[in-house]
Amino acid sequence: MQINKIQEGTALLIKLSGRLDTTTAPDLEAEVNSSVDGIEQITFDFTDLEYISSAGLRVLLYTHKRMSGKGGLKITHVCETVMEIFEVTGFSDILDIE
């Protein structure tokens, strides 16, 4: 998985490509932890994300909880496969997905 970050003021855009699974989820969690100071809004761009596992979902839930009370967390450009996972797990009801 590749992680690209773009910060504009207090907003952070994180673009993911590849697979977010048990192997790569710790990398994303580390990136989030090192980047959230002073950030009020995080947007994940999933244009090139092919798959997400339960480990990836855990990182998203962790980030969602960490950003609540601030500007929040938003997820954009979700492919059909990942959206099905969000719907089956109930994450589509929890997360702001555009």
PDB file of N, CA and C in Angstrom:
ATOM      1  N   MET A   1       0.839  -1.174   0.000  1.00  0.00           N
ATOM      2  CA  MET A   1       0.000   0.000   0.000  1.00  0.00           C
ATOM      3  C   MET A   1       0.886   1.241   0.000  1.00  0.00           C
ATOM      4  N   GLN A   2       0.455   2.240  -0.729  1.00  0.00           N
ATOM      5  CA  GLN A   2       1.141   3.529  -0.725  1.00  0.00           C
ATOM      6  C   GLN A   2       0.272   4.551  -0.004  1.00  0.00           C
ATOM      7  N   ILE A   3       0.929   5.423   0.754  1.00  0.00           N
ATOM      8  CA  ILE A   3       0.252   6.474   1.497  1.00  0.00           C
ATOM      9  C   ILE A   3       0.843   7.798   1.059  1.00  0.00           C
ATOM     10  N   ASN A   4      -0.013   8.700   0.542  1.00  0.00           N
ATOM     11  CA  ASN A   4       0.427  10.044   0.172  1.00  0.00           C
ATOM     12  C   ASN A   4      -0.386  11.040   0.983  1.00  0.00           C
ATOM     13  N   LYS A   5       0.316  11.983   1.608  1.00  0.00           N
ATOM     14  CA  LYS A   5      -0.356  12.982   2.448  1.00  0.00           C
ATOM     15  C   LYS A   5      -0.178  14.377   1.855  1.00  0.00           C
ATOM     16  N   ILE A   6      -1.265  15.147   1.904  1.00  0.00           N
ATOM     17  CA  ILE A   6      -1.226  16.542   1.487  1.00  0.00           C
ATOM     18  C   ILE A   6      -1.906  17.351   2.579  1.00  0.00           C
ATOM     19  N   GLN A   7      -1.172  18.279   3.178  1.00  0.00           N
ATOM     20  CA  GLN A   7      -1.738  19.109   4.232  1.00  0.00           C
ATOM     21  C   GLN A   7      -1.962  20.515   3.709  1.00  0.00           C
ATOM     22  N   GLU A   8      -3.148  21.025   3.966  1.00  0.00           N
ATOM     23  CA  GLU A   8      -3.481  22.411   3.639  1.00  0.00           C
ATOM     24  C   GLU A   8      -4.067  23.040   4.885  1.00  0.00           C
ATOM     25  N   GLY A   9      -3.268  23.823   5.577  1.00  0.00           N
ATOM     26  CA  GLY A   9      -3.716  24.423   6.825  1.00  0.00           C
ATOM     27  C   GLY A   9      -3.978  23.339   7.860  1.00  0.00           C
ATOM     28  N   THR A  10      -5.225  23.309   8.370  1.00  0.00           N
ATOM     29  CA  THR A  10      -5.584  22.313   9.378  1.00  0.00           C
ATOM     30  C   THR A  10      -6.295  21.103   8.768  1.00  0.00           C
ATOM     31  N   ALA A  11      -6.298  21.023   7.444  1.00  0.00           N
ATOM     32  CA  ALA A  11      -6.914  19.890   6.748  1.00  0.00           C
ATOM     33  C   ALA A  11      -5.825  18.971   6.202  1.00  0.00           C
ATOM     34  N   LEU A  12      -6.052  17.668   6.336  1.00  0.00           N
ATOM     35  CA  LEU A  12      -5.094  16.684   5.849  1.00  0.00           C
ATOM     36  C   LEU A  12      -5.813  15.728   4.908  1.00  0.00           C
ATOM     37  N   LEU A  13      -5.264  15.576   3.711  1.00  0.00           N
ATOM     38  CA  LEU A  13      -5.754  14.611   2.733  1.00  0.00           C
ATOM     39  C   LEU A  13      -4.779  13.441   2.702  1.00  0.00           C
ATOM     40  N   ILE A  14      -5.311  12.227   2.897  1.00  0.00           N
ATOM     41  CA  ILE A  14      -4.486  11.030   2.850  1.00  0.00           C
ATOM     42  C   ILE A  14      -5.007  10.163   1.713  1.00  0.00           C
ATOM     43  N   LYS A  15      -4.165   9.967   0.698  1.00  0.00           N
ATOM     44  CA  LYS A  15      -4.526   9.134  -0.453  1.00  0.00           C
ATOM     45  C   LYS A  15      -3.893   7.764  -0.275  1.00  0.00           C
ATOM     46  N   LEU A  16      -4.723   6.732  -0.369  1.00  0.00           N
ATOM     47  CA  LEU A  16      -4.241   5.364  -0.218  1.00  0.00           C
ATOM     48  C   LEU A  16      -4.369   4.632  -1.539  1.00  0.00           C
ATOM     49  N   SER A  17      -3.406   3.781  -1.834  1.00  0.00           N
ATOM     50  CA  SER A  17      -3.507   2.931  -3.009  1.00  0.00           C
ATOM     51  C   SER A  17      -3.037   1.531  -2.639  1.00  0.00           C
ATOM     52  N   GLY A  18      -3.690   0.533  -3.227  1.00  0.00           N
ATOM     53  CA  GLY A  18      -3.331  -0.857  -2.942  1.00  0.00           C
ATOM     54  C   GLY A  18      -4.317  -1.493  -1.989  1.00  0.00           C
ATOM     55  N   ARG A  19      -3.787  -2.209  -0.996  1.00  0.00           N
ATOM     56  CA  ARG A  19      -4.608  -2.955  -0.045  1.00  0.00           C
ATOM     57  C   ARG A  19      -4.324  -2.486   1.374  1.00  0.00           C
ATOM     58  N   LEU A  20      -5.389  -2.223   2.110  1.00  0.00           N
ATOM     59  CA  LEU A  20      -5.284  -1.864   3.523  1.00  0.00           C
ATOM     60  C   LEU A  20      -5.677  -3.105   4.319  1.00  0.00           C
ATOM     61  N   ASP A  21      -4.671  -3.840   4.803  1.00  0.00           N
ATOM     62  CA  ASP A  21      -4.913  -5.115   5.459  1.00  0.00           C
ATOM     63  C   ASP A  21      -4.024  -5.241   6.701  1.00  0.00           C
ATOM     64  N   THR A  22      -3.926  -6.445   7.247  1.00  0.00           N
ATOM     65  CA  THR A  22      -3.159  -6.640   8.479  1.00  0.00           C
ATOM     66  C   THR A  22      -1.687  -6.277   8.325  1.00  0.00           C
ATOM     67  N   THR A  23      -1.171  -6.372   7.126  1.00  0.00           N
ATOM     68  CA  THR A  23       0.229  -6.030   6.879  1.00  0.00           C
ATOM     69  C   THR A  23       0.443  -4.530   6.809  1.00  0.00           C
ATOM     70  N   THR A  24      -0.500  -3.808   6.208  1.00  0.00           N
ATOM     71  CA  THR A  24      -0.307  -2.379   5.949  1.00  0.00           C
ATOM     72  C   THR A  24      -1.027  -1.462   6.948  1.00  0.00           C
ATOM     73  N   ALA A  25      -1.996  -1.983   7.688  1.00  0.00           N
ATOM     74  CA  ALA A  25      -2.746  -1.149   8.643  1.00  0.00           C
ATOM     75  C   ALA A  25      -1.845  -0.474   9.681  1.00  0.00           C
ATOM     76  N   PRO A  26      -0.830  -1.163  10.226  1.00  0.00           N
ATOM     77  CA  PRO A  26       0.059  -0.483  11.175  1.00  0.00           C
ATOM     78  C   PRO A  26       0.783   0.724  10.562  1.00  0.00           C
ATOM     79  N   ASP A  27       1.097   0.650   9.281  1.00  0.00           N
ATOM     80  CA  ASP A  27       1.745   1.781   8.608  1.00  0.00           C
ATOM     81  C   ASP A  27       0.812   2.983   8.567  1.00  0.00           C
ATOM     82  N   LEU A  28      -0.457   2.736   8.250  1.00  0.00           N
ATOM     83  CA  LEU A  28      -1.429   3.836   8.203  1.00  0.00           C
ATOM     84  C   LEU A  28      -1.642   4.412   9.597  1.00  0.00           C
ATOM     85  N   GLU A  29      -1.761   3.551  10.582  1.00  0.00           N
ATOM     86  CA  GLU A  29      -1.951   4.036  11.952  1.00  0.00           C
ATOM     87  C   GLU A  29      -0.778   4.902  12.389  1.00  0.00           C
ATOM     88  N   ALA A  30       0.433   4.500  12.057  1.00  0.00           N
ATOM     89  CA  ALA A  30       1.619   5.291  12.394  1.00  0.00           C
ATOM     90  C   ALA A  30       1.593   6.640  11.686  1.00  0.00           C
ATOM     91  N   GLU A  31       1.186   6.654  10.420  1.00  0.00           N
ATOM     92  CA  GLU A  31       1.087   7.916   9.666  1.00  0.00           C
ATOM     93  C   GLU A  31       0.041   8.842  10.289  1.00  0.00           C
ATOM     94  N   VAL A  32      -1.096   8.291  10.660  1.00  0.00           N
ATOM     95  CA  VAL A  32      -2.138   9.097  11.298  1.00  0.00           C
ATOM     96  C   VAL A  32      -1.614   9.671  12.612  1.00  0.00           C
ATOM     97  N   ASN A  33      -1.015   8.831  13.436  1.00  0.00           N
ATOM     98  CA  ASN A  33      -0.497   9.284  14.728  1.00  0.00           C
ATOM     99  C   ASN A  33       0.548  10.378  14.590  1.00  0.00           C
ATOM    100  N   SER A  34       1.359  10.308  13.559  1.00  0.00           N
ATOM    101  CA  SER A  34       2.416  11.306  13.386  1.00  0.00           C
ATOM    102  C   SER A  34       1.919  12.581  12.714  1.00  0.00           C
ATOM    103  N   SER A  35       0.659  12.577  12.259  1.00  0.00           N
ATOM    104  CA  SER A  35       0.172  13.696  11.460  1.00  0.00           C
ATOM    105  C   SER A  35      -0.982  14.485  12.069  1.00  0.00           C
ATOM    106  N   VAL A  36      -1.598  14.015  13.146  1.00  0.00           N
ATOM    107  CA  VAL A  36      -2.855  14.628  13.597  1.00  0.00           C
ATOM    108  C   VAL A  36      -2.692  15.880  14.448  1.00  0.00           C
ATOM    109  N   ASP A  37      -1.529  16.131  14.973  1.00  0.00           N
ATOM    110  CA  ASP A  37      -1.351  17.341  15.784  1.00  0.00           C
ATOM    111  C   ASP A  37      -1.638  18.581  14.946  1.00  0.00           C
ATOM    112  N   GLY A  38      -2.582  19.386  15.400  1.00  0.00           N
ATOM    113  CA  GLY A  38      -2.954  20.606  14.691  1.00  0.00           C
ATOM    114  C   GLY A  38      -3.912  20.389  13.534  1.00  0.00           C
ATOM    115  N   ILE A  39      -4.304  19.153  13.284  1.00  0.00           N
ATOM    116  CA  ILE A  39      -5.220  18.835  12.191  1.00  0.00           C
ATOM    117  C   ILE A  39      -6.651  18.799  12.720  1.00  0.00           C
ATOM    118  N   GLU A  40      -7.559  19.452  12.008  1.00  0.00           N
ATOM    119  CA  GLU A  40      -8.966  19.466  12.399  1.00  0.00           C
ATOM    120  C   GLU A  40      -9.839  18.609  11.498  1.00  0.00           C
ATOM    121  N   GLN A  41      -9.392  18.339  10.273  1.00  0.00           N
ATOM    122  CA  GLN A  41     -10.181  17.555   9.323  1.00  0.00           C
ATOM    123  C   GLN A  41      -9.248  16.608   8.574  1.00  0.00           C
ATOM    124  N   ILE A  42      -9.612  15.311   8.555  1.00  0.00           N
ATOM    125  CA  ILE A  42      -8.875  14.339   7.756  1.00  0.00           C
ATOM    126  C   ILE A  42      -9.807  13.804   6.684  1.00  0.00           C
ATOM    127  N   THR A  43      -9.319  13.792   5.458  1.00  0.00           N
ATOM    128  CA  THR A  43     -10.050  13.181   4.340  1.00  0.00           C
ATOM    129  C   THR A  43      -9.196  12.059   3.784  1.00  0.00           C
ATOM    130  N   PHE A  44      -9.797  10.873   3.714  1.00  0.00           N
ATOM    131  CA  PHE A  44      -9.148   9.743   3.063  1.00  0.00           C
ATOM    132  C   PHE A  44      -9.665   9.661   1.642  1.00  0.00           C
ATOM    133  N   ASP A  45      -8.771   9.626   0.675  1.00  0.00           N
ATOM    134  CA  ASP A  45      -9.126   9.435  -0.734  1.00  0.00           C
ATOM    135  C   ASP A  45      -8.833   7.981  -1.078  1.00  0.00           C
ATOM    136  N   PHE A  46      -9.910   7.221  -1.346  1.00  0.00           N
ATOM    137  CA  PHE A  46      -9.784   5.791  -1.619  1.00  0.00           C
ATOM    138  C   PHE A  46      -9.871   5.478  -3.110  1.00  0.00           C
ATOM    139  N   THR A  47      -9.589   6.442  -3.971  1.00  0.00           N
ATOM    140  CA  THR A  47      -9.669   6.231  -5.414  1.00  0.00           C
ATOM    141  C   THR A  47      -8.916   4.975  -5.837  1.00  0.00           C
ATOM    142  N   ASP A  48      -7.733   4.764  -5.300  1.00  0.00           N
ATOM    143  CA  ASP A  48      -6.885   3.650  -5.716  1.00  0.00           C
ATOM    144  C   ASP A  48      -6.782   2.546  -4.667  1.00  0.00           C
ATOM    145  N   LEU A  49      -7.693   2.562  -3.675  1.00  0.00           N
ATOM    146  CA  LEU A  49      -7.698   1.499  -2.674  1.00  0.00           C
ATOM    147  C   LEU A  49      -8.548   0.339  -3.191  1.00  0.00           C
ATOM    148  N   GLU A  50      -7.951  -0.835  -3.252  1.00  0.00           N
ATOM    149  CA  GLU A  50      -8.610  -2.010  -3.831  1.00  0.00           C
ATOM    150  C   GLU A  50      -9.330  -2.870  -2.803  1.00  0.00           C
ATOM    151  N   TYR A  51      -8.860  -2.855  -1.543  1.00  0.00           N
ATOM    152  CA  TYR A  51      -9.372  -3.786  -0.542  1.00  0.00           C
ATOM    153  C   TYR A  51      -9.111  -3.220   0.845  1.00  0.00           C
ATOM    154  N   ILE A  52     -10.010  -3.529   1.783  1.00  0.00           N
ATOM    155  CA  ILE A  52      -9.798  -3.175   3.179  1.00  0.00           C
ATOM    156  C   ILE A  52     -10.200  -4.361   4.053  1.00  0.00           C
ATOM    157  N   SER A  53      -9.364  -4.700   5.015  1.00  0.00           N
ATOM    158  CA  SER A  53      -9.638  -5.812   5.925  1.00  0.00           C
ATOM    159  C   SER A  53     -10.132  -5.260   7.265  1.00  0.00           C
ATOM    160  N   SER A  54     -10.394  -6.158   8.199  1.00  0.00           N
ATOM    161  CA  SER A  54     -10.836  -5.730   9.528  1.00  0.00           C
ATOM    162  C   SER A  54      -9.760  -4.898  10.227  1.00  0.00           C
ATOM    163  N   ALA A  55      -8.502  -5.177   9.949  1.00  0.00           N
ATOM    164  CA  ALA A  55      -7.417  -4.376  10.530  1.00  0.00           C
ATOM    165  C   ALA A  55      -7.468  -2.947   9.995  1.00  0.00           C
ATOM    166  N   GLY A  56      -7.772  -2.799   8.707  1.00  0.00           N
ATOM    167  CA  GLY A  56      -7.931  -1.464   8.119  1.00  0.00           C
ATOM    168  C   GLY A  56      -9.137  -0.747   8.689  1.00  0.00           C
ATOM    169  N   LEU A  57     -10.229  -1.480   8.881  1.00  0.00           N
ATOM    170  CA  LEU A  57     -11.431  -0.895   9.478  1.00  0.00           C
ATOM    171  C   LEU A  57     -11.144  -0.386  10.890  1.00  0.00           C
ATOM    172  N   ARG A  58     -10.335  -1.152  11.626  1.00  0.00           N
ATOM    173  CA  ARG A  58      -9.986  -0.736  12.983  1.00  0.00           C
ATOM    174  C   ARG A  58      -9.235   0.602  12.969  1.00  0.00           C
ATOM    175  N   VAL A  59      -8.328   0.786  12.019  1.00  0.00           N
ATOM    176  CA  VAL A  59      -7.584   2.044  11.922  1.00  0.00           C
ATOM    177  C   VAL A  59      -8.540   3.194  11.581  1.00  0.00           C
ATOM    178  N   LEU A  60      -9.501   2.939  10.692  1.00  0.00           N
ATOM    179  CA  LEU A  60     -10.471   3.981  10.358  1.00  0.00           C
ATOM    180  C   LEU A  60     -11.322   4.347  11.568  1.00  0.00           C
ATOM    181  N   LEU A  61     -11.754   3.352  12.332  1.00  0.00           N
ATOM    182  CA  LEU A  61     -12.556   3.621  13.523  1.00  0.00           C
ATOM    183  C   LEU A  61     -11.744   4.394  14.553  1.00  0.00           C
ATOM    184  N   TYR A  62     -10.495   4.004  14.730  1.00  0.00           N
ATOM    185  CA  TYR A  62      -9.589   4.707  15.639  1.00  0.00           C
ATOM    186  C   TYR A  62      -9.436   6.175  15.217  1.00  0.00           C
ATOM    187  N   THR A  63      -9.223   6.392  13.929  1.00  0.00           N
ATOM    188  CA  THR A  63      -9.054   7.754  13.414  1.00  0.00           C
ATOM    189  C   THR A  63     -10.347   8.545  13.559  1.00  0.00           C
ATOM    190  N   HIS A  64     -11.475   7.910  13.284  1.00  0.00           N
ATOM    191  CA  HIS A  64     -12.787   8.553  13.434  1.00  0.00           C
ATOM    192  C   HIS A  64     -12.979   9.029  14.876  1.00  0.00           C
ATOM    193  N   LYS A  65     -12.685   8.162  15.840  1.00  0.00           N
ATOM    194  CA  LYS A  65     -12.830   8.529  17.254  1.00  0.00           C
ATOM    195  C   LYS A  65     -11.863   9.638  17.634  1.00  0.00           C
ATOM    196  N   ARG A  66     -10.655   9.554  17.106  1.00  0.00           N
ATOM    197  CA  ARG A  66      -9.637  10.567  17.421  1.00  0.00           C
ATOM    198  C   ARG A  66     -10.017  11.944  16.859  1.00  0.00           C
ATOM    199  N   MET A  67     -10.699  11.965  15.714  1.00  0.00           N
ATOM    200  CA  MET A  67     -11.056  13.231  15.075  1.00  0.00           C
ATOM    201  C   MET A  67     -12.426  13.757  15.513  1.00  0.00           C
ATOM    202  N   SER A  68     -13.209  12.955  16.244  1.00  0.00           N
ATOM    203  CA  SER A  68     -14.500  13.460  16.709  1.00  0.00           C
ATOM    204  C   SER A  68     -14.248  14.572  17.715  1.00  0.00           C
ATOM    205  N   GLY A  69     -15.059  15.587  17.655  1.00  0.00           N
ATOM    206  CA  GLY A  69     -14.834  16.768  18.473  1.00  0.00           C
ATOM    207  C   GLY A  69     -14.001  17.804  17.750  1.00  0.00           C
ATOM    208  N   LYS A  70     -13.378  17.397  16.665  1.00  0.00           N
ATOM    209  CA  LYS A  70     -12.657  18.324  15.800  1.00  0.00           C
ATOM    210  C   LYS A  70     -13.507  18.475  14.542  1.00  0.00           C
ATOM    211  N   GLY A  71     -12.885  18.638  13.409  1.00  0.00           N
ATOM    212  CA  GLY A  71     -13.615  18.770  12.153  1.00  0.00           C
ATOM    213  C   GLY A  71     -14.121  17.448  11.601  1.00  0.00           C
ATOM    214  N   GLY A  72     -13.553  16.345  12.069  1.00  0.00           N
ATOM    215  CA  GLY A  72     -14.039  15.046  11.670  1.00  0.00           C
ATOM    216  C   GLY A  72     -13.196  14.334  10.643  1.00  0.00           C
ATOM    217  N   LEU A  73     -13.777  13.245  10.162  1.00  0.00           N
ATOM    218  CA  LEU A  73     -13.144  12.356   9.207  1.00  0.00           C
ATOM    219  C   LEU A  73     -14.099  12.141   8.049  1.00  0.00           C
ATOM    220  N   LYS A  74     -13.574  12.211   6.834  1.00  0.00           N
ATOM    221  CA  LYS A  74     -14.380  12.001   5.629  1.00  0.00           C
ATOM    222  C   LYS A  74     -13.639  11.032   4.728  1.00  0.00           C
ATOM    223  N   ILE A  75     -14.403  10.182   4.029  1.00  0.00           N
ATOM    224  CA  ILE A  75     -13.820   9.230   3.083  1.00  0.00           C
ATOM    225  C   ILE A  75     -14.442   9.475   1.720  1.00  0.00           C
ATOM    226  N   THR A  76     -13.598   9.607   0.691  1.00  0.00           N
ATOM    227  CA  THR A  76     -14.091   9.895  -0.653  1.00  0.00           C
ATOM    228  C   THR A  76     -13.634   8.834  -1.649  1.00  0.00           C
ATOM    229  N   HIS A  77     -14.331   8.772  -2.774  1.00  0.00           N
ATOM    230  CA  HIS A  77     -13.970   7.938  -3.926  1.00  0.00           C
ATOM    231  C   HIS A  77     -13.791   6.458  -3.560  1.00  0.00           C
ATOM    232  N   VAL A  78     -14.813   5.893  -2.940  1.00  0.00           N
ATOM    233  CA  VAL A  78     -14.758   4.503  -2.496  1.00  0.00           C
ATOM    234  C   VAL A  78     -15.227   3.590  -3.635  1.00  0.00           C
ATOM    235  N   CYS A  79     -14.433   2.561  -3.951  1.00  0.00           N
ATOM    236  CA  CYS A  79     -14.810   1.608  -4.994  1.00  0.00           C
ATOM    237  C   CYS A  79     -15.925   0.693  -4.474  1.00  0.00           C
ATOM    238  N   GLU A  80     -16.544  -0.012  -5.384  1.00  0.00           N
ATOM    239  CA  GLU A  80     -17.680  -0.869  -5.044  1.00  0.00           C
ATOM    240  C   GLU A  80     -17.307  -1.961  -4.046  1.00  0.00           C
ATOM    241  N   THR A  81     -16.147  -2.569  -4.210  1.00  0.00           N
ATOM    242  CA  THR A  81     -15.705  -3.647  -3.323  1.00  0.00           C
ATOM    243  C   THR A  81     -15.561  -3.152  -1.889  1.00  0.00           C
ATOM    244  N   VAL A  82     -14.903  -2.020  -1.714  1.00  0.00           N
ATOM    245  CA  VAL A  82     -14.699  -1.461  -0.374  1.00  0.00           C
ATOM    246  C   VAL A  82     -16.034  -0.986   0.193  1.00  0.00           C
ATOM    247  N   MET A  83     -16.896  -0.410  -0.636  1.00  0.00           N
ATOM    248  CA  MET A  83     -18.195   0.052  -0.168  1.00  0.00           C
ATOM    249  C   MET A  83     -19.037  -1.117   0.342  1.00  0.00           C
ATOM    250  N   GLU A  84     -18.960  -2.249  -0.317  1.00  0.00           N
ATOM    251  CA  GLU A  84     -19.684  -3.434   0.153  1.00  0.00           C
ATOM    252  C   GLU A  84     -19.204  -3.843   1.543  1.00  0.00           C
ATOM    253  N   ILE A  85     -17.922  -3.762   1.781  1.00  0.00           N
ATOM    254  CA  ILE A  85     -17.368  -4.085   3.099  1.00  0.00           C
ATOM    255  C   ILE A  85     -17.888  -3.092   4.134  1.00  0.00           C
ATOM    256  N   PHE A  86     -17.923  -1.807   3.792  1.00  0.00           N
ATOM    257  CA  PHE A  86     -18.466  -0.793   4.702  1.00  0.00           C
ATOM    258  C   PHE A  86     -19.931  -1.082   5.026  1.00  0.00           C
ATOM    259  N   GLU A  87     -20.701  -1.467   4.030  1.00  0.00           N
ATOM    260  CA  GLU A  87     -22.124  -1.718   4.232  1.00  0.00           C
ATOM    261  C   GLU A  87     -22.363  -2.965   5.078  1.00  0.00           C
ATOM    262  N   VAL A  88     -21.649  -4.052   4.789  1.00  0.00           N
ATOM    263  CA  VAL A  88     -21.827  -5.304   5.529  1.00  0.00           C
ATOM    264  C   VAL A  88     -21.430  -5.137   7.001  1.00  0.00           C
ATOM    265  N   THR A  89     -20.392  -4.369   7.269  1.00  0.00           N
ATOM    266  CA  THR A  89     -19.900  -4.193   8.635  1.00  0.00           C
ATOM    267  C   THR A  89     -20.618  -3.085   9.395  1.00  0.00           C
ATOM    268  N   GLY A  90     -21.442  -2.298   8.708  1.00  0.00           N
ATOM    269  CA  GLY A  90     -22.129  -1.188   9.358  1.00  0.00           C
ATOM    270  C   GLY A  90     -21.314   0.090   9.406  1.00  0.00           C
ATOM    271  N   PHE A  91     -20.122   0.072   8.855  1.00  0.00           N
ATOM    272  CA  PHE A  91     -19.277   1.263   8.855  1.00  0.00           C
ATOM    273  C   PHE A  91     -19.872   2.378   7.995  1.00  0.00           C
ATOM    274  N   SER A  92     -20.714   2.011   7.032  1.00  0.00           N
ATOM    275  CA  SER A  92     -21.343   3.040   6.194  1.00  0.00           C
ATOM    276  C   SER A  92     -22.294   3.909   7.018  1.00  0.00           C
ATOM    277  N   ASP A  93     -22.768   3.391   8.150  1.00  0.00           N
ATOM    278  CA  ASP A  93     -23.626   4.174   9.046  1.00  0.00           C
ATOM    279  C   ASP A  93     -22.833   5.027  10.014  1.00  0.00           C
ATOM    280  N   ILE A  94     -21.566   4.679  10.228  1.00  0.00           N
ATOM    281  CA  ILE A  94     -20.718   5.373  11.202  1.00  0.00           C
ATOM    282  C   ILE A  94     -19.886   6.473  10.546  1.00  0.00           C
ATOM    283  N   LEU A  95     -19.321   6.163   9.383  1.00  0.00           N
ATOM    284  CA  LEU A  95     -18.371   7.063   8.726  1.00  0.00           C
ATOM    285  C   LEU A  95     -19.053   7.993   7.734  1.00  0.00           C
ATOM    286  N   ASP A  96     -18.460   9.144   7.515  1.00  0.00           N
ATOM    287  CA  ASP A  96     -18.919  10.103   6.503  1.00  0.00           C
ATOM    288  C   ASP A  96     -18.259   9.711   5.176  1.00  0.00           C
ATOM    289  N   ILE A  97     -19.045   9.046   4.314  1.00  0.00           N
ATOM    290  CA  ILE A  97     -18.525   8.554   3.046  1.00  0.00           C
ATOM    291  C   ILE A  97     -19.187   9.292   1.906  1.00  0.00           C
ATOM    292  N   GLU A  98     -18.376   9.865   1.037  1.00  0.00           N
ATOM    293  CA  GLU A  98     -18.903  10.614  -0.114  1.00  0.00           C
ATOM    294  C   GLU A  98     -18.607   9.875  -1.394  1.00  0.00           C
TER     295      GLU A  98
END
